[in-house]
């Protein structure tokens, strides 16, 4: 199933990040905005960030509450130009 998103819709969501239901949705929309496929993203994570991961792991992170390692979260925040303190605050709020 392909997820299509209008860039204006994405930009509206990014202005108020609280609109995202969960961090998974934010990561998925960010990947789509930058035009990466899951395969391309796993290759970038392996080559540039030295994070060995598979396509299934990336897909599970974007779909359900699959645990995200700190190094993967940092790499995705860097790659997508996301605010790392916002992500950290969101994850800590989720644990409570």
PDB file of N, CA and C in Angstrom:
ATOM      1  N   UNK A   1       0.837  -1.172   0.000  1.00  0.00           N
ATOM      2  CA  UNK A   1       0.000   0.000   0.000  1.00  0.00           C
ATOM      3  C   UNK A   1       0.888   1.243   0.000  1.00  0.00           C
ATOM      4  N   UNK A   2       0.675   2.110  -0.944  1.00  0.00           N
ATOM      5  CA  UNK A   2       1.450   3.335  -1.025  1.00  0.00           C
ATOM      6  C   UNK A   2       0.724   4.456  -0.303  1.00  0.00           C
ATOM      7  N   UNK A   3       1.492   5.234   0.413  1.00  0.00           N
ATOM      8  CA  UNK A   3       0.927   6.379   1.117  1.00  0.00           C
ATOM      9  C   UNK A   3       1.254   7.626   0.321  1.00  0.00           C
ATOM     10  N   UNK A   4       0.234   8.313  -0.149  1.00  0.00           N
ATOM     11  CA  UNK A   4       0.450   9.539  -0.902  1.00  0.00           C
ATOM     12  C   UNK A   4       0.134  10.712   0.007  1.00  0.00           C
ATOM     13  N   UNK A   5       0.994  11.699  -0.034  1.00  0.00           N
ATOM     14  CA  UNK A   5       0.781  12.881   0.799  1.00  0.00           C
ATOM     15  C   UNK A   5       1.048  14.119  -0.033  1.00  0.00           C
ATOM     16  N   UNK A   6       0.213  15.084   0.130  1.00  0.00           N
ATOM     17  CA  UNK A   6       0.369  16.363  -0.526  1.00  0.00           C
ATOM     18  C   UNK A   6       1.392  17.168   0.276  1.00  0.00           C
ATOM     19  N   UNK A   7       2.343  17.819  -0.386  1.00  0.00           N
ATOM     20  CA  UNK A   7       3.373  18.555   0.337  1.00  0.00           C
ATOM     21  C   UNK A   7       2.801  19.727   1.123  1.00  0.00           C
ATOM     22  N   UNK A   8       1.738  20.336   0.644  1.00  0.00           N
ATOM     23  CA  UNK A   8       1.137  21.421   1.425  1.00  0.00           C
ATOM     24  C   UNK A   8       0.528  20.876   2.715  1.00  0.00           C
ATOM     25  N   UNK A   9      -0.060  19.694   2.647  1.00  0.00           N
ATOM     26  CA  UNK A   9      -0.595  19.059   3.856  1.00  0.00           C
ATOM     27  C   UNK A   9       0.536  18.748   4.821  1.00  0.00           C
ATOM     28  N   UNK A  10       1.641  18.236   4.298  1.00  0.00           N
ATOM     29  CA  UNK A  10       2.797  17.924   5.133  1.00  0.00           C
ATOM     30  C   UNK A  10       3.320  19.188   5.814  1.00  0.00           C
ATOM     31  N   UNK A  11       3.449  20.270   5.046  1.00  0.00           N
ATOM     32  CA  UNK A  11       3.970  21.513   5.607  1.00  0.00           C
ATOM     33  C   UNK A  11       3.055  22.064   6.693  1.00  0.00           C
ATOM     34  N   UNK A  12       1.749  21.927   6.508  1.00  0.00           N
ATOM     35  CA  UNK A  12       0.810  22.364   7.546  1.00  0.00           C
ATOM     36  C   UNK A  12       0.995  21.538   8.814  1.00  0.00           C
ATOM     37  N   UNK A  13       1.180  20.237   8.651  1.00  0.00           N
ATOM     38  CA  UNK A  13       1.397  19.369   9.807  1.00  0.00           C
ATOM     39  C   UNK A  13       2.706  19.706  10.514  1.00  0.00           C
ATOM     40  N   UNK A  14       3.749  20.010   9.723  1.00  0.00           N
ATOM     41  CA  UNK A  14       5.053  20.291  10.310  1.00  0.00           C
ATOM     42  C   UNK A  14       5.067  21.608  11.076  1.00  0.00           C
ATOM     43  N   UNK A  15       4.202  22.552  10.710  1.00  0.00           N
ATOM     44  CA  UNK A  15       4.155  23.815  11.444  1.00  0.00           C
ATOM     45  C   UNK A  15       3.712  23.586  12.882  1.00  0.00           C
ATOM     46  N   UNK A  16       2.784  22.690  13.066  1.00  0.00           N
ATOM     47  CA  UNK A  16       2.341  22.332  14.411  1.00  0.00           C
ATOM     48  C   UNK A  16       2.534  20.832  14.570  1.00  0.00           C
ATOM     49  N   UNK A  17       3.692  20.436  15.088  1.00  0.00           N
ATOM     50  CA  UNK A  17       4.042  19.022  15.160  1.00  0.00           C
ATOM     51  C   UNK A  17       3.152  18.236  16.106  1.00  0.00           C
ATOM     52  N   UNK A  18       2.397  18.926  16.928  1.00  0.00           N
ATOM     53  CA  UNK A  18       1.480  18.229  17.830  1.00  0.00           C
ATOM     54  C   UNK A  18       0.336  17.583  17.058  1.00  0.00           C
ATOM     55  N   UNK A  19       0.155  17.962  15.779  1.00  0.00           N
ATOM     56  CA  UNK A  19      -0.905  17.368  14.963  1.00  0.00           C
ATOM     57  C   UNK A  19      -0.649  15.891  14.671  1.00  0.00           C
ATOM     58  N   UNK A  20       0.608  15.480  14.734  1.00  0.00           N
ATOM     59  CA  UNK A  20       0.920  14.085  14.461  1.00  0.00           C
ATOM     60  C   UNK A  20       0.433  13.219  15.613  1.00  0.00           C
ATOM     61  N   UNK A  21      -0.221  12.128  15.267  1.00  0.00           N
ATOM     62  CA  UNK A  21      -0.762  11.239  16.291  1.00  0.00           C
ATOM     63  C   UNK A  21       0.350  10.526  17.048  1.00  0.00           C
ATOM     64  N   UNK A  22       1.415  10.195  16.345  1.00  0.00           N
ATOM     65  CA  UNK A  22       2.526   9.522  16.990  1.00  0.00           C
ATOM     66  C   UNK A  22       3.807   9.783  16.212  1.00  0.00           C
ATOM     67  N   UNK A  23       4.910   9.391  16.812  1.00  0.00           N
ATOM     68  CA  UNK A  23       6.208   9.637  16.198  1.00  0.00           C
ATOM     69  C   UNK A  23       6.371   8.819  14.916  1.00  0.00           C
ATOM     70  N   UNK A  24       5.700   7.687  14.846  1.00  0.00           N
ATOM     71  CA  UNK A  24       5.796   6.841  13.662  1.00  0.00           C
ATOM     72  C   UNK A  24       5.271   7.571  12.437  1.00  0.00           C
ATOM     73  N   UNK A  25       4.165   8.264  12.605  1.00  0.00           N
ATOM     74  CA  UNK A  25       3.570   9.014  11.502  1.00  0.00           C
ATOM     75  C   UNK A  25       4.509  10.139  11.059  1.00  0.00           C
ATOM     76  N   UNK A  26       5.136  10.806  12.014  1.00  0.00           N
ATOM     77  CA  UNK A  26       6.080  11.872  11.703  1.00  0.00           C
ATOM     78  C   UNK A  26       7.260  11.335  10.902  1.00  0.00           C
ATOM     79  N   UNK A  27       7.810  10.199  11.308  1.00  0.00           N
ATOM     80  CA  UNK A  27       8.949   9.621  10.595  1.00  0.00           C
ATOM     81  C   UNK A  27       8.556   9.171   9.192  1.00  0.00           C
ATOM     82  N   UNK A  28       7.382   8.610   9.055  1.00  0.00           N
ATOM     83  CA  UNK A  28       6.919   8.154   7.736  1.00  0.00           C
ATOM     84  C   UNK A  28       6.702   9.332   6.789  1.00  0.00           C
ATOM     85  N   UNK A  29       6.035  10.372   7.268  1.00  0.00           N
ATOM     86  CA  UNK A  29       5.804  11.544   6.427  1.00  0.00           C
ATOM     87  C   UNK A  29       7.122  12.218   6.050  1.00  0.00           C
ATOM     88  N   UNK A  30       8.065  12.234   6.969  1.00  0.00           N
ATOM     89  CA  UNK A  30       9.367  12.841   6.674  1.00  0.00           C
ATOM     90  C   UNK A  30      10.101  12.053   5.598  1.00  0.00           C
ATOM     91  N   UNK A  31      10.053  10.730   5.686  1.00  0.00           N
ATOM     92  CA  UNK A  31      10.706   9.906   4.660  1.00  0.00           C
ATOM     93  C   UNK A  31      10.086  10.159   3.297  1.00  0.00           C
ATOM     94  N   UNK A  32       8.771  10.254   3.254  1.00  0.00           N
ATOM     95  CA  UNK A  32       8.076  10.484   1.987  1.00  0.00           C
ATOM     96  C   UNK A  32       8.386  11.877   1.447  1.00  0.00           C
ATOM     97  N   UNK A  33       8.470  12.856   2.339  1.00  0.00           N
ATOM     98  CA  UNK A  33       8.773  14.221   1.907  1.00  0.00           C
ATOM     99  C   UNK A  33      10.125  14.283   1.207  1.00  0.00           C
ATOM    100  N   UNK A  34      11.108  13.587   1.763  1.00  0.00           N
ATOM    101  CA  UNK A  34      12.442  13.600   1.173  1.00  0.00           C
ATOM    102  C   UNK A  34      12.577  12.628   0.004  1.00  0.00           C
ATOM    103  N   UNK A  35      11.539  11.878  -0.279  1.00  0.00           N
ATOM    104  CA  UNK A  35      11.519  11.023  -1.455  1.00  0.00           C
ATOM    105  C   UNK A  35      12.309   9.738  -1.330  1.00  0.00           C
ATOM    106  N   UNK A  36      12.522   9.258  -0.113  1.00  0.00           N
ATOM    107  CA  UNK A  36      13.257   8.013   0.089  1.00  0.00           C
ATOM    108  C   UNK A  36      12.306   6.827   0.114  1.00  0.00           C
ATOM    109  N   UNK A  37      12.722   5.753  -0.524  1.00  0.00           N
ATOM    110  CA  UNK A  37      12.006   4.494  -0.339  1.00  0.00           C
ATOM    111  C   UNK A  37      12.590   3.836   0.915  1.00  0.00           C
ATOM    112  N   UNK A  38      11.951   2.798   1.384  1.00  0.00           N
ATOM    113  CA  UNK A  38      12.455   2.096   2.571  1.00  0.00           C
ATOM    114  C   UNK A  38      13.830   1.507   2.276  1.00  0.00           C
ATOM    115  N   UNK A  39      14.003   0.986   1.091  1.00  0.00           N
ATOM    116  CA  UNK A  39      15.301   0.409   0.699  1.00  0.00           C
ATOM    117  C   UNK A  39      16.392   1.479   0.677  1.00  0.00           C
ATOM    118  N   UNK A  40      16.073   2.654   0.116  1.00  0.00           N
ATOM    119  CA  UNK A  40      17.053   3.736   0.079  1.00  0.00           C
ATOM    120  C   UNK A  40      17.424   4.188   1.487  1.00  0.00           C
ATOM    121  N   UNK A  41      16.425   4.265   2.355  1.00  0.00           N
ATOM    122  CA  UNK A  41      16.681   4.696   3.724  1.00  0.00           C
ATOM    123  C   UNK A  41      17.588   3.709   4.451  1.00  0.00           C
ATOM    124  N   UNK A  42      17.356   2.424   4.292  1.00  0.00           N
ATOM    125  CA  UNK A  42      18.224   1.439   4.951  1.00  0.00           C
ATOM    126  C   UNK A  42      19.646   1.532   4.413  1.00  0.00           C
ATOM    127  N   UNK A  43      19.792   1.789   3.127  1.00  0.00           N
ATOM    128  CA  UNK A  43      21.124   1.933   2.537  1.00  0.00           C
ATOM    129  C   UNK A  43      21.832   3.169   3.084  1.00  0.00           C
ATOM    130  N   UNK A  44      21.108   4.276   3.218  1.00  0.00           N
ATOM    131  CA  UNK A  44      21.692   5.504   3.773  1.00  0.00           C
ATOM    132  C   UNK A  44      22.101   5.290   5.227  1.00  0.00           C
ATOM    133  N   UNK A  45      21.242   4.648   6.009  1.00  0.00           N
ATOM    134  CA  UNK A  45      21.572   4.392   7.412  1.00  0.00           C
ATOM    135  C   UNK A  45      22.807   3.509   7.535  1.00  0.00           C
ATOM    136  N   UNK A  46      22.951   2.548   6.643  1.00  0.00           N
ATOM    137  CA  UNK A  46      24.113   1.664   6.678  1.00  0.00           C
ATOM    138  C   UNK A  46      25.374   2.390   6.233  1.00  0.00           C
ATOM    139  N   UNK A  47      25.299   3.116   5.126  1.00  0.00           N
ATOM    140  CA  UNK A  47      26.488   3.752   4.553  1.00  0.00           C
ATOM    141  C   UNK A  47      26.948   4.985   5.325  1.00  0.00           C
ATOM    142  N   UNK A  48      26.024   5.878   5.641  1.00  0.00           N
ATOM    143  CA  UNK A  48      26.410   7.156   6.234  1.00  0.00           C
ATOM    144  C   UNK A  48      26.465   7.138   7.757  1.00  0.00           C
ATOM    145  N   UNK A  49      25.619   6.341   8.388  1.00  0.00           N
ATOM    146  CA  UNK A  49      25.530   6.362   9.846  1.00  0.00           C
ATOM    147  C   UNK A  49      26.015   5.070  10.494  1.00  0.00           C
ATOM    148  N   UNK A  50      26.428   4.107   9.689  1.00  0.00           N
ATOM    149  CA  UNK A  50      26.945   2.826  10.170  1.00  0.00           C
ATOM    150  C   UNK A  50      25.947   2.115  11.092  1.00  0.00           C
ATOM    151  N   UNK A  51      24.673   2.186  10.719  1.00  0.00           N
ATOM    152  CA  UNK A  51      23.613   1.500  11.460  1.00  0.00           C
ATOM    153  C   UNK A  51      23.119   0.355  10.587  1.00  0.00           C
ATOM    154  N   UNK A  52      23.371  -0.840  11.032  1.00  0.00           N
ATOM    155  CA  UNK A  52      22.946  -2.006  10.262  1.00  0.00           C
ATOM    156  C   UNK A  52      21.487  -2.303  10.584  1.00  0.00           C
ATOM    157  N   UNK A  53      20.641  -2.140   9.606  1.00  0.00           N
ATOM    158  CA  UNK A  53      19.215  -2.371   9.793  1.00  0.00           C
ATOM    159  C   UNK A  53      18.629  -2.918   8.502  1.00  0.00           C
ATOM    160  N   UNK A  54      17.482  -3.509   8.605  1.00  0.00           N
ATOM    161  CA  UNK A  54      16.813  -4.066   7.437  1.00  0.00           C
ATOM    162  C   UNK A  54      15.570  -3.275   7.081  1.00  0.00           C
ATOM    163  N   UNK A  55      15.022  -3.601   5.924  1.00  0.00           N
ATOM    164  CA  UNK A  55      13.808  -2.918   5.469  1.00  0.00           C
ATOM    165  C   UNK A  55      12.644  -3.183   6.416  1.00  0.00           C
ATOM    166  N   UNK A  56      12.580  -4.388   6.945  1.00  0.00           N
ATOM    167  CA  UNK A  56      11.456  -4.715   7.831  1.00  0.00           C
ATOM    168  C   UNK A  56      11.512  -3.902   9.124  1.00  0.00           C
ATOM    169  N   UNK A  57      12.714  -3.641   9.628  1.00  0.00           N
ATOM    170  CA  UNK A  57      12.847  -2.839  10.844  1.00  0.00           C
ATOM    171  C   UNK A  57      12.381  -1.413  10.610  1.00  0.00           C
ATOM    172  N   UNK A  58      12.801  -0.825   9.497  1.00  0.00           N
ATOM    173  CA  UNK A  58      12.391   0.546   9.170  1.00  0.00           C
ATOM    174  C   UNK A  58      10.879   0.609   8.989  1.00  0.00           C
ATOM    175  N   UNK A  59      10.316  -0.370   8.316  1.00  0.00           N
ATOM    176  CA  UNK A  59       8.863  -0.393   8.116  1.00  0.00           C
ATOM    177  C   UNK A  59       8.121  -0.513   9.441  1.00  0.00           C
ATOM    178  N   UNK A  60       8.624  -1.363  10.333  1.00  0.00           N
ATOM    179  CA  UNK A  60       7.954  -1.544  11.627  1.00  0.00           C
ATOM    180  C   UNK A  60       8.041  -0.287  12.485  1.00  0.00           C
ATOM    181  N   UNK A  61       9.152   0.444  12.382  1.00  0.00           N
ATOM    182  CA  UNK A  61       9.284   1.700  13.124  1.00  0.00           C
ATOM    183  C   UNK A  61       8.230   2.694  12.661  1.00  0.00           C
ATOM    184  N   UNK A  62       7.954   2.708  11.358  1.00  0.00           N
ATOM    185  CA  UNK A  62       7.003   3.670  10.800  1.00  0.00           C
ATOM    186  C   UNK A  62       5.550   3.257  11.007  1.00  0.00           C
ATOM    187  N   UNK A  63       5.293   1.996  11.279  1.00  0.00           N
ATOM    188  CA  UNK A  63       3.914   1.519  11.355  1.00  0.00           C
ATOM    189  C   UNK A  63       3.419   1.379  12.791  1.00  0.00           C
ATOM    190  N   UNK A  64       4.190   0.711  13.641  1.00  0.00           N
ATOM    191  CA  UNK A  64       3.695   0.470  14.998  1.00  0.00           C
ATOM    192  C   UNK A  64       4.709   0.931  16.032  1.00  0.00           C
ATOM    193  N   UNK A  65       4.435   0.653  17.286  1.00  0.00           N
ATOM    194  CA  UNK A  65       5.291   1.099  18.387  1.00  0.00           C
ATOM    195  C   UNK A  65       6.481   0.168  18.568  1.00  0.00           C
ATOM    196  N   UNK A  66       7.277   0.056  17.551  1.00  0.00           N
ATOM    197  CA  UNK A  66       8.491  -0.748  17.579  1.00  0.00           C
ATOM    198  C   UNK A  66       9.591   0.086  18.243  1.00  0.00           C
ATOM    199  N   UNK A  67      10.397  -0.490  19.124  1.00  0.00           N
ATOM    200  CA  UNK A  67      11.428   0.294  19.811  1.00  0.00           C
ATOM    201  C   UNK A  67      12.441   0.893  18.834  1.00  0.00           C
ATOM    202  N   UNK A  68      12.827   2.128  19.113  1.00  0.00           N
ATOM    203  CA  UNK A  68      13.814   2.829  18.285  1.00  0.00           C
ATOM    204  C   UNK A  68      15.059   3.030  19.138  1.00  0.00           C
ATOM    205  N   UNK A  69      16.211   2.607  18.628  1.00  0.00           N
ATOM    206  CA  UNK A  69      17.448   2.822  19.368  1.00  0.00           C
ATOM    207  C   UNK A  69      17.819   4.302  19.306  1.00  0.00           C
ATOM    208  N   UNK A  70      18.628   4.733  20.255  1.00  0.00           N
ATOM    209  CA  UNK A  70      19.035   6.140  20.305  1.00  0.00           C
ATOM    210  C   UNK A  70      19.835   6.521  19.064  1.00  0.00           C
ATOM    211  N   UNK A  71      20.703   5.627  18.603  1.00  0.00           N
ATOM    212  CA  UNK A  71      21.503   5.936  17.418  1.00  0.00           C
ATOM    213  C   UNK A  71      20.629   6.054  16.174  1.00  0.00           C
ATOM    214  N   UNK A  72      19.618   5.209  16.058  1.00  0.00           N
ATOM    215  CA  UNK A  72      18.705   5.293  14.911  1.00  0.00           C
ATOM    216  C   UNK A  72      17.883   6.575  14.985  1.00  0.00           C
ATOM    217  N   UNK A  73      17.401   6.925  16.175  1.00  0.00           N
ATOM    218  CA  UNK A  73      16.621   8.149  16.337  1.00  0.00           C
ATOM    219  C   UNK A  73      17.462   9.375  15.979  1.00  0.00           C
ATOM    220  N   UNK A  74      18.710   9.400  16.431  1.00  0.00           N
ATOM    221  CA  UNK A  74      19.606  10.509  16.109  1.00  0.00           C
ATOM    222  C   UNK A  74      19.844  10.588  14.604  1.00  0.00           C
ATOM    223  N   UNK A  75      20.082   9.441  13.971  1.00  0.00           N
ATOM    224  CA  UNK A  75      20.337   9.422  12.529  1.00  0.00           C
ATOM    225  C   UNK A  75      19.119   9.898  11.741  1.00  0.00           C
ATOM    226  N   UNK A  76      17.932   9.441  12.120  1.00  0.00           N
ATOM    227  CA  UNK A  76      16.717   9.864  11.416  1.00  0.00           C
ATOM    228  C   UNK A  76      16.439  11.347  11.629  1.00  0.00           C
ATOM    229  N   UNK A  77      16.670  11.835  12.841  1.00  0.00           N
ATOM    230  CA  UNK A  77      16.480  13.265  13.108  1.00  0.00           C
ATOM    231  C   UNK A  77      17.456  14.093  12.280  1.00  0.00           C
ATOM    232  N   UNK A  78      18.691  13.631  12.174  1.00  0.00           N
ATOM    233  CA  UNK A  78      19.693  14.338  11.375  1.00  0.00           C
ATOM    234  C   UNK A  78      19.351  14.284   9.889  1.00  0.00           C
ATOM    235  N   UNK A  79      18.954  13.143   9.428  1.00  0.00           N
ATOM    236  CA  UNK A  79      18.638  12.950   8.012  1.00  0.00           C
ATOM    237  C   UNK A  79      17.419  13.756   7.583  1.00  0.00           C
ATOM    238  N   UNK A  80      16.410  13.816   8.429  1.00  0.00           N
ATOM    239  CA  UNK A  80      15.164  14.509   8.092  1.00  0.00           C
ATOM    240  C   UNK A  80      15.119  15.945   8.608  1.00  0.00           C
ATOM    241  N   UNK A  81      16.194  16.419   9.217  1.00  0.00           N
ATOM    242  CA  UNK A  81      16.246  17.769   9.798  1.00  0.00           C
ATOM    243  C   UNK A  81      15.124  17.987  10.807  1.00  0.00           C
ATOM    244  N   UNK A  82      14.933  17.008  11.672  1.00  0.00           N
ATOM    245  CA  UNK A  82      13.910  17.104  12.713  1.00  0.00           C
ATOM    246  C   UNK A  82      14.534  17.622  14.000  1.00  0.00           C
ATOM    247  N   UNK A  83      13.710  18.179  14.834  1.00  0.00           N
ATOM    248  CA  UNK A  83      14.139  18.739  16.104  1.00  0.00           C
ATOM    249  C   UNK A  83      14.321  17.603  17.113  1.00  0.00           C
ATOM    250  N   UNK A  84      15.563  17.310  17.463  1.00  0.00           N
ATOM    251  CA  UNK A  84      15.839  16.188  18.362  1.00  0.00           C
ATOM    252  C   UNK A  84      15.242  16.387  19.762  1.00  0.00           C
ATOM    253  N   UNK A  85      15.296  17.592  20.357  1.00  0.00           N
ATOM    254  CA  UNK A  85      14.634  17.762  21.659  1.00  0.00           C
ATOM    255  C   UNK A  85      13.126  17.502  21.601  1.00  0.00           C
ATOM    256  N   UNK A  86      12.476  17.874  20.489  1.00  0.00           N
ATOM    257  CA  UNK A  86      11.051  17.587  20.343  1.00  0.00           C
ATOM    258  C   UNK A  86      10.813  16.084  20.336  1.00  0.00           C
ATOM    259  N   UNK A  87      11.621  15.347  19.588  1.00  0.00           N
ATOM    260  CA  UNK A  87      11.470  13.892  19.534  1.00  0.00           C
ATOM    261  C   UNK A  87      11.720  13.271  20.904  1.00  0.00           C
ATOM    262  N   UNK A  88      12.732  13.753  21.590  1.00  0.00           N
ATOM    263  CA  UNK A  88      13.052  13.222  22.912  1.00  0.00           C
ATOM    264  C   UNK A  88      11.895  13.472  23.877  1.00  0.00           C
ATOM    265  N   UNK A  89      11.354  14.688  23.854  1.00  0.00           N
ATOM    266  CA  UNK A  89      10.234  15.023  24.730  1.00  0.00           C
ATOM    267  C   UNK A  89       9.026  14.145  24.407  1.00  0.00           C
ATOM    268  N   UNK A  90       8.798  13.906  23.123  1.00  0.00           N
ATOM    269  CA  UNK A  90       7.674  13.074  22.709  1.00  0.00           C
ATOM    270  C   UNK A  90       7.848  11.642  23.215  1.00  0.00           C
ATOM    271  N   UNK A  91       9.047  11.112  23.100  1.00  0.00           N
ATOM    272  CA  UNK A  91       9.299   9.740  23.547  1.00  0.00           C
ATOM    273  C   UNK A  91       9.171   9.616  25.062  1.00  0.00           C
ATOM    274  N   UNK A  92       9.663  10.613  25.798  1.00  0.00           N
ATOM    275  CA  UNK A  92       9.552  10.556  27.253  1.00  0.00           C
ATOM    276  C   UNK A  92       8.100  10.669  27.690  1.00  0.00           C
ATOM    277  N   UNK A  93       7.320  11.513  27.000  1.00  0.00           N
ATOM    278  CA  UNK A  93       5.902  11.661  27.320  1.00  0.00           C
ATOM    279  C   UNK A  93       5.165  10.353  27.052  1.00  0.00           C
ATOM    280  N   UNK A  94       5.586   9.650  26.014  1.00  0.00           N
ATOM    281  CA  UNK A  94       4.946   8.397  25.628  1.00  0.00           C
ATOM    282  C   UNK A  94       5.166   7.314  26.685  1.00  0.00           C
ATOM    283  N   UNK A  95       6.313   7.324  27.345  1.00  0.00           N
ATOM    284  CA  UNK A  95       6.632   6.289  28.333  1.00  0.00           C
ATOM    285  C   UNK A  95       5.829   6.426  29.612  1.00  0.00           C
ATOM    286  N   UNK A  96       5.376   7.629  29.919  1.00  0.00           N
ATOM    287  CA  UNK A  96       4.660   7.849  31.187  1.00  0.00           C
ATOM    288  C   UNK A  96       3.315   7.202  31.193  1.00  0.00           C
TER     289      UNK A  96
END
